[in-house]
């Protein structure tokens, strides 16, 4: 066996140092994976996995926002539905007053008093129509009666991801035909007018009930949409986690191995660094 002694080039030490640097890099990666819980902390850790994970993260974020959109839509419709319930209650009271006024036992004073209450109730309906708002948007004044309000309830730009719902106006002018109004109001100051008011009010109750049923159906649809989106988001989140999350047991096992290699590498590097000392012994 030949011995090659060189002062200018310690190949053994250089080789050990290179391996030691690799082990140190692996240890630093393990530190990061164990401390963050993420196997992929940058694209360099797993380029393909990083790209896939980013796409999944984008989908999950979009799904979560779609869920929030749908929940906001539910809140808007609940606000509109609650106000419609109040209007329906008022219409029921008006129907009772109209039936009372239609009875021939009521004198002119009685009819006048009943009509005042009848008008006050109509003013309250108009107030509800003009004051029911969601995020500063007036809901029951007819703003959404034709074009409707569009809810973005999924993650793409197609119409399949949108849900449009119309919200009917509930003002007196919208609920009652203008032909039966006098001065903007329905009156019960006579038996004839009261009998007419019965038909008009009952027709309004029927129409408003249909509006409420429509709003309620959309609320149900949005609730189902939220459940489906949540399920999809959870599944995607789980899939993304299998790609990015650290397998703690495996990572710690590899970390322990790397620590042993580091300690052995340092010991061998110290031994390799002593090789040039042998040349000094040749000179003694």
Protein backbone atom coordinates (compact mmCIF):
# COMPACT_ATOMS: atom_id res chain seq x y z
CA UNK A 1 0.00 0.00 0.00
CA UNK A 2 1.32 3.42 -0.92
CA UNK A 3 0.91 6.46 1.30
CA UNK A 4 0.28 9.86 -0.26
CA UNK A 5 1.06 12.72 2.09
CA UNK A 6 0.24 16.27 0.96
CA UNK A 7 0.15 19.58 2.81
CA UNK A 8 -1.57 21.56 0.06
CA UNK A 9 -4.47 19.18 -0.48
CA UNK A 10 -6.16 17.18 2.28
CA UNK A 11 -8.65 15.16 0.16
CA UNK A 12 -9.95 13.18 3.12
CA UNK A 13 -10.80 16.31 5.11
CA UNK A 14 -12.40 17.95 2.07
CA UNK A 15 -14.60 14.91 1.43
CA UNK A 16 -15.66 14.67 5.08
CA UNK A 17 -16.36 18.43 5.18
CA UNK A 18 -18.57 18.16 2.09
CA UNK A 19 -20.56 15.32 3.65
CA UNK A 20 -20.77 17.23 6.92
CA UNK A 21 -22.18 20.30 5.17
CA UNK A 22 -24.84 18.11 3.55
CA UNK A 23 -25.77 16.61 6.94
CA UNK A 24 -25.91 20.09 8.49
CA UNK A 25 -28.29 21.23 5.74
CA UNK A 26 -30.48 18.20 6.39
CA UNK A 27 -30.48 18.95 10.12
CA UNK A 28 -31.51 22.55 9.48
CA UNK A 29 -34.34 21.29 7.27
CA UNK A 30 -35.42 18.91 10.03
CA UNK A 31 -35.35 21.74 12.56
CA UNK A 32 -37.70 23.73 10.34
CA UNK A 33 -40.02 20.80 9.63
CA UNK A 34 -40.26 19.81 13.29
CA UNK A 35 -40.69 23.37 14.60
CA UNK A 36 -43.30 24.45 12.02
CA UNK A 37 -45.08 21.12 11.56
CA UNK A 38 -44.81 21.61 7.81
CA UNK A 39 -42.87 19.23 5.58
CA UNK A 40 -42.84 21.83 2.80
CA UNK A 41 -41.76 25.29 3.94
CA UNK A 42 -40.47 26.48 0.57
CA UNK A 43 -40.54 25.35 -3.04
CA UNK A 44 -37.04 23.92 -2.62
CA UNK A 45 -38.29 21.31 -0.14
CA UNK A 46 -40.57 19.67 -2.74
CA UNK A 47 -41.16 21.67 -5.94
CA UNK A 48 -44.01 19.52 -7.28
CA UNK A 49 -45.65 19.16 -3.87
CA UNK A 50 -45.32 22.90 -3.26
CA UNK A 51 -47.08 23.73 -6.55
CA UNK A 52 -49.91 21.28 -5.85
CA UNK A 53 -50.29 22.53 -2.28
CA UNK A 54 -50.51 26.15 -3.43
CA UNK A 55 -53.27 25.27 -5.89
CA UNK A 56 -55.18 23.45 -3.16
CA UNK A 57 -54.68 26.34 -0.76
CA UNK A 58 -56.12 28.74 -3.34
CA UNK A 59 -59.15 26.49 -3.76
CA UNK A 60 -59.66 26.17 -0.02
CA UNK A 61 -59.40 29.95 0.47
CA UNK A 62 -61.90 30.55 -2.32
CA UNK A 63 -64.28 27.94 -0.90
CA UNK A 64 -64.09 29.50 2.55
CA UNK A 65 -64.94 32.89 1.07
CA UNK A 66 -67.82 31.36 -0.89
CA UNK A 67 -69.10 29.92 2.39
CA UNK A 68 -68.93 33.38 3.93
CA UNK A 69 -70.72 34.83 0.89
CA UNK A 70 -73.53 32.30 1.26
CA UNK A 71 -73.81 32.96 4.98
CA UNK A 72 -74.01 36.69 4.31
CA UNK A 73 -76.73 35.96 1.76
CA UNK A 74 -78.64 33.97 4.36
CA UNK A 75 -78.36 36.89 6.78
CA UNK A 76 -79.65 39.29 4.14
CA UNK A 77 -82.62 37.08 3.32
CA UNK A 78 -83.37 36.54 6.99
CA UNK A 79 -83.48 40.31 7.42
CA UNK A 80 -85.89 40.63 4.50
CA UNK A 81 -87.99 37.69 5.68
CA UNK A 82 -88.25 39.06 9.21
CA UNK A 83 -89.50 42.38 7.90
CA UNK A 84 -92.00 40.62 5.63
CA UNK A 85 -93.29 38.76 8.67
CA UNK A 86 -93.97 42.10 10.32
CA UNK A 87 -95.78 43.37 7.24
CA UNK A 88 -97.87 40.19 7.12
CA UNK A 89 -98.82 40.70 10.76
CA UNK A 90 -99.87 44.26 9.97
CA UNK A 91 -101.91 43.09 6.98
CA UNK A 92 -103.67 40.56 9.19
CA UNK A 93 -104.64 43.39 11.55
CA UNK A 94 -105.81 45.49 8.60
CA UNK A 95 -107.91 42.58 7.37
CA UNK A 96 -109.57 42.38 10.77
CA UNK A 97 -110.26 46.14 10.76
CA UNK A 98 -111.70 45.98 7.24
CA UNK A 99 -114.04 43.14 8.21
CA UNK A 100 -115.11 45.13 11.27
CA UNK A 101 -115.74 48.27 9.22
CA UNK A 102 -117.74 46.28 6.65
CA UNK A 103 -120.35 45.51 9.27
CA UNK A 104 -123.43 47.73 9.11
CA UNK A 105 -123.40 48.34 12.87
CA UNK A 106 -120.54 50.85 12.63
CA UNK A 107 -121.50 54.52 12.48
CA UNK A 108 -119.55 57.23 10.71
CA UNK A 109 -117.51 58.06 13.81
CA UNK A 110 -116.58 54.42 14.26
CA UNK A 111 -115.59 54.18 10.63
CA UNK A 112 -113.48 57.33 10.88
CA UNK A 113 -111.64 55.97 13.92
CA UNK A 114 -111.12 52.62 12.25
CA UNK A 115 -109.84 54.38 9.14
CA UNK A 116 -107.30 56.36 11.17
CA UNK A 117 -105.88 53.14 12.57
CA UNK A 118 -106.04 51.63 9.09
CA UNK A 119 -103.97 54.53 7.69
CA UNK A 120 -101.47 54.35 10.57
CA UNK A 121 -100.89 50.68 9.81
CA UNK A 122 -100.26 51.49 6.15
CA UNK A 123 -97.73 54.14 7.19
CA UNK A 124 -95.96 51.52 9.27
CA UNK A 125 -95.80 49.20 6.25
CA UNK A 126 -94.23 52.00 4.21
CA UNK A 127 -91.74 52.64 7.02
CA UNK A 128 -90.74 48.98 7.06
CA UNK A 129 -90.34 49.02 3.27
CA UNK A 130 -88.07 52.06 3.37
CA UNK A 131 -86.11 51.31 6.54
CA UNK A 132 -85.34 47.59 6.25
CA UNK A 133 -81.66 47.58 5.29
CA UNK A 134 -78.71 45.21 5.11
CA UNK A 135 -75.25 46.73 4.87
CA UNK A 136 -76.88 50.09 4.00
CA UNK A 137 -78.86 48.50 1.13
CA UNK A 138 -82.63 48.92 1.30
CA UNK A 139 -84.20 45.52 0.77
CA UNK A 140 -87.96 45.96 0.47
CA UNK A 141 -88.39 49.16 -1.53
CA UNK A 142 -88.17 47.40 -4.90
CA UNK A 143 -84.41 47.79 -5.39
CA UNK A 144 -84.08 44.03 -5.88
CA UNK A 145 -87.53 43.36 -7.33
CA UNK A 146 -86.47 43.13 -10.99
CA UNK A 147 -82.75 42.42 -11.42
CA UNK A 148 -82.46 40.81 -7.99
CA UNK A 149 -79.35 40.35 -5.88
CA UNK A 150 -76.62 37.96 -7.10
CA UNK A 151 -74.81 35.79 -4.56
CA UNK A 152 -71.38 34.38 -5.48
CA UNK A 153 -71.62 30.94 -3.87
CA UNK A 154 -68.77 29.01 -5.51
CA UNK A 155 -65.25 29.52 -6.77
CA UNK A 156 -65.47 30.15 -10.52
CA UNK A 157 -66.88 32.93 -12.69
CA UNK A 158 -69.63 30.89 -14.36
CA UNK A 159 -73.33 31.28 -13.70
CA UNK A 160 -73.24 27.91 -11.94
CA UNK A 161 -71.42 29.64 -9.11
CA UNK A 162 -74.03 32.39 -8.82
CA UNK A 163 -77.48 32.46 -7.30
CA UNK A 164 -79.88 35.28 -8.12
CA UNK A 165 -82.87 36.04 -5.93
CA UNK A 166 -85.45 38.78 -6.33
CA UNK A 167 -86.87 40.52 -3.27
CA UNK A 168 -90.30 42.02 -3.82
CA UNK A 169 -91.28 45.50 -2.71
CA UNK A 170 -93.73 45.58 0.19
CA UNK A 171 -94.78 49.22 0.26
CA UNK A 172 -98.47 50.10 0.07
CA UNK A 173 -98.04 51.18 -3.52
CA UNK A 174 -96.55 47.80 -4.40
CA UNK A 175 -98.96 45.64 -2.39
CA UNK A 176 -102.18 47.42 -3.36
CA UNK A 177 -103.38 48.44 -6.80
CA UNK A 178 -103.20 52.17 -7.37
CA UNK A 179 -106.77 52.05 -8.63
CA UNK A 180 -108.11 51.41 -5.13
CA UNK A 181 -105.94 53.97 -3.37
CA UNK A 182 -107.07 57.45 -2.51
CA UNK A 183 -104.33 59.90 -1.57
CA UNK A 184 -101.92 57.01 -1.51
CA UNK A 185 -103.95 55.01 1.01
CA UNK A 186 -106.59 52.32 1.17
CA UNK A 187 -109.60 53.56 3.15
CA UNK A 188 -112.45 51.98 5.12
CA UNK A 189 -114.57 55.09 5.74
CA UNK A 190 -117.69 53.41 4.35
CA UNK A 191 -119.14 49.93 4.28
CA UNK A 192 -118.55 49.72 0.53
CA UNK A 193 -114.91 50.80 0.83
CA UNK A 194 -114.41 48.39 3.72
CA UNK A 195 -115.73 45.46 1.67
CA UNK A 196 -113.42 46.43 -1.15
CA UNK A 197 -110.52 46.69 1.32
CA UNK A 198 -111.16 43.13 2.51
CA UNK A 199 -110.50 41.76 -0.99
CA UNK A 200 -107.49 44.00 -1.54
CA UNK A 201 -105.84 43.20 1.81
CA UNK A 202 -106.45 39.47 1.52
CA UNK A 203 -104.95 39.48 -1.98
CA UNK A 204 -101.91 41.31 -0.57
CA UNK A 205 -101.55 38.68 2.16
CA UNK A 206 -101.62 35.95 -0.48
CA UNK A 207 -98.99 37.71 -2.61
CA UNK A 208 -96.75 38.46 0.35
CA UNK A 209 -96.96 34.85 1.53
CA UNK A 210 -95.75 33.76 -1.91
CA UNK A 211 -92.83 36.22 -1.66
CA UNK A 212 -91.93 34.85 1.75
CA UNK A 213 -92.07 31.28 0.48
CA UNK A 214 -89.68 32.22 -2.33
CA UNK A 215 -87.24 33.85 0.08
CA UNK A 216 -87.47 30.88 2.44
CA UNK A 217 -86.75 28.45 -0.41
CA UNK A 218 -83.59 30.38 -1.31
CA UNK A 219 -82.54 30.41 2.34
CA UNK A 220 -82.83 26.61 2.40
CA UNK A 221 -80.84 26.39 -0.82
CA UNK A 222 -78.09 28.55 0.64
CA UNK A 223 -77.98 26.44 3.80
CA UNK A 224 -77.46 23.30 1.72
CA UNK A 225 -74.86 25.15 -0.32
CA UNK A 226 -72.93 26.09 2.82
CA UNK A 227 -72.92 22.46 3.98
CA UNK A 228 -71.66 21.24 0.62
CA UNK A 229 -68.97 23.91 0.37
CA UNK A 230 -67.82 23.18 3.91
CA UNK A 231 -67.52 19.49 3.13
CA UNK A 232 -65.53 20.23 -0.04
CA UNK A 233 -63.25 22.66 1.76
CA UNK A 234 -62.61 20.18 4.58
CA UNK A 235 -61.70 17.41 2.14
CA UNK A 236 -59.37 19.66 0.19
CA UNK A 237 -57.78 20.88 3.41
CA UNK A 238 -57.16 17.29 4.46
CA UNK A 239 -55.66 16.47 1.07
CA UNK A 240 -53.40 19.52 1.25
CA UNK A 241 -52.32 18.54 4.76
CA UNK A 242 -51.15 15.11 3.62
CA UNK A 243 -48.82 16.86 1.19
CA UNK A 244 -47.48 19.64 3.39
CA UNK A 245 -47.69 18.43 7.00
CA UNK A 246 -44.68 16.87 8.69
CA UNK A 247 -44.77 13.20 9.63
CA UNK A 248 -43.43 13.93 13.09
CA UNK A 249 -42.34 10.37 13.91
CA UNK A 250 -40.50 9.94 10.63
CA UNK A 251 -38.97 13.41 10.74
CA UNK A 252 -37.69 12.95 14.29
CA UNK A 253 -36.21 9.55 13.44
CA UNK A 254 -34.35 11.09 10.48
CA UNK A 255 -33.28 14.02 12.68
CA UNK A 256 -31.76 11.62 15.23
CA UNK A 257 -29.87 9.82 12.46
CA UNK A 258 -28.58 13.10 11.10
CA UNK A 259 -27.38 14.15 14.56
CA UNK A 260 -25.38 10.91 14.84
CA UNK A 261 -23.90 11.45 11.37
CA UNK A 262 -23.02 15.02 12.32
CA UNK A 263 -21.19 13.92 15.46
CA UNK A 264 -19.34 11.16 13.60
CA UNK A 265 -18.50 13.58 10.77
CA UNK A 266 -17.05 16.11 13.20
CA UNK A 267 -14.95 13.40 14.83
CA UNK A 268 -13.68 12.15 11.47
CA UNK A 269 -12.96 15.68 10.31
CA UNK A 270 -10.80 16.19 13.37
CA UNK A 271 -8.93 12.99 12.56
CA UNK A 272 -8.47 13.96 8.90
CA UNK A 273 -7.15 17.37 9.90
CA UNK A 274 -4.37 15.65 11.84
CA UNK A 275 -2.99 13.83 8.76
CA UNK A 276 -0.64 16.70 7.72
CA UNK A 277 0.99 16.40 11.15
CA UNK A 278 2.50 13.11 9.94
CA UNK A 279 4.63 15.09 7.47
CA UNK A 280 6.22 16.98 10.36
CA UNK A 281 7.31 13.67 11.85
CA UNK A 282 9.11 12.84 8.62
CA UNK A 283 11.13 16.03 9.01
CA UNK A 284 12.22 15.28 12.56
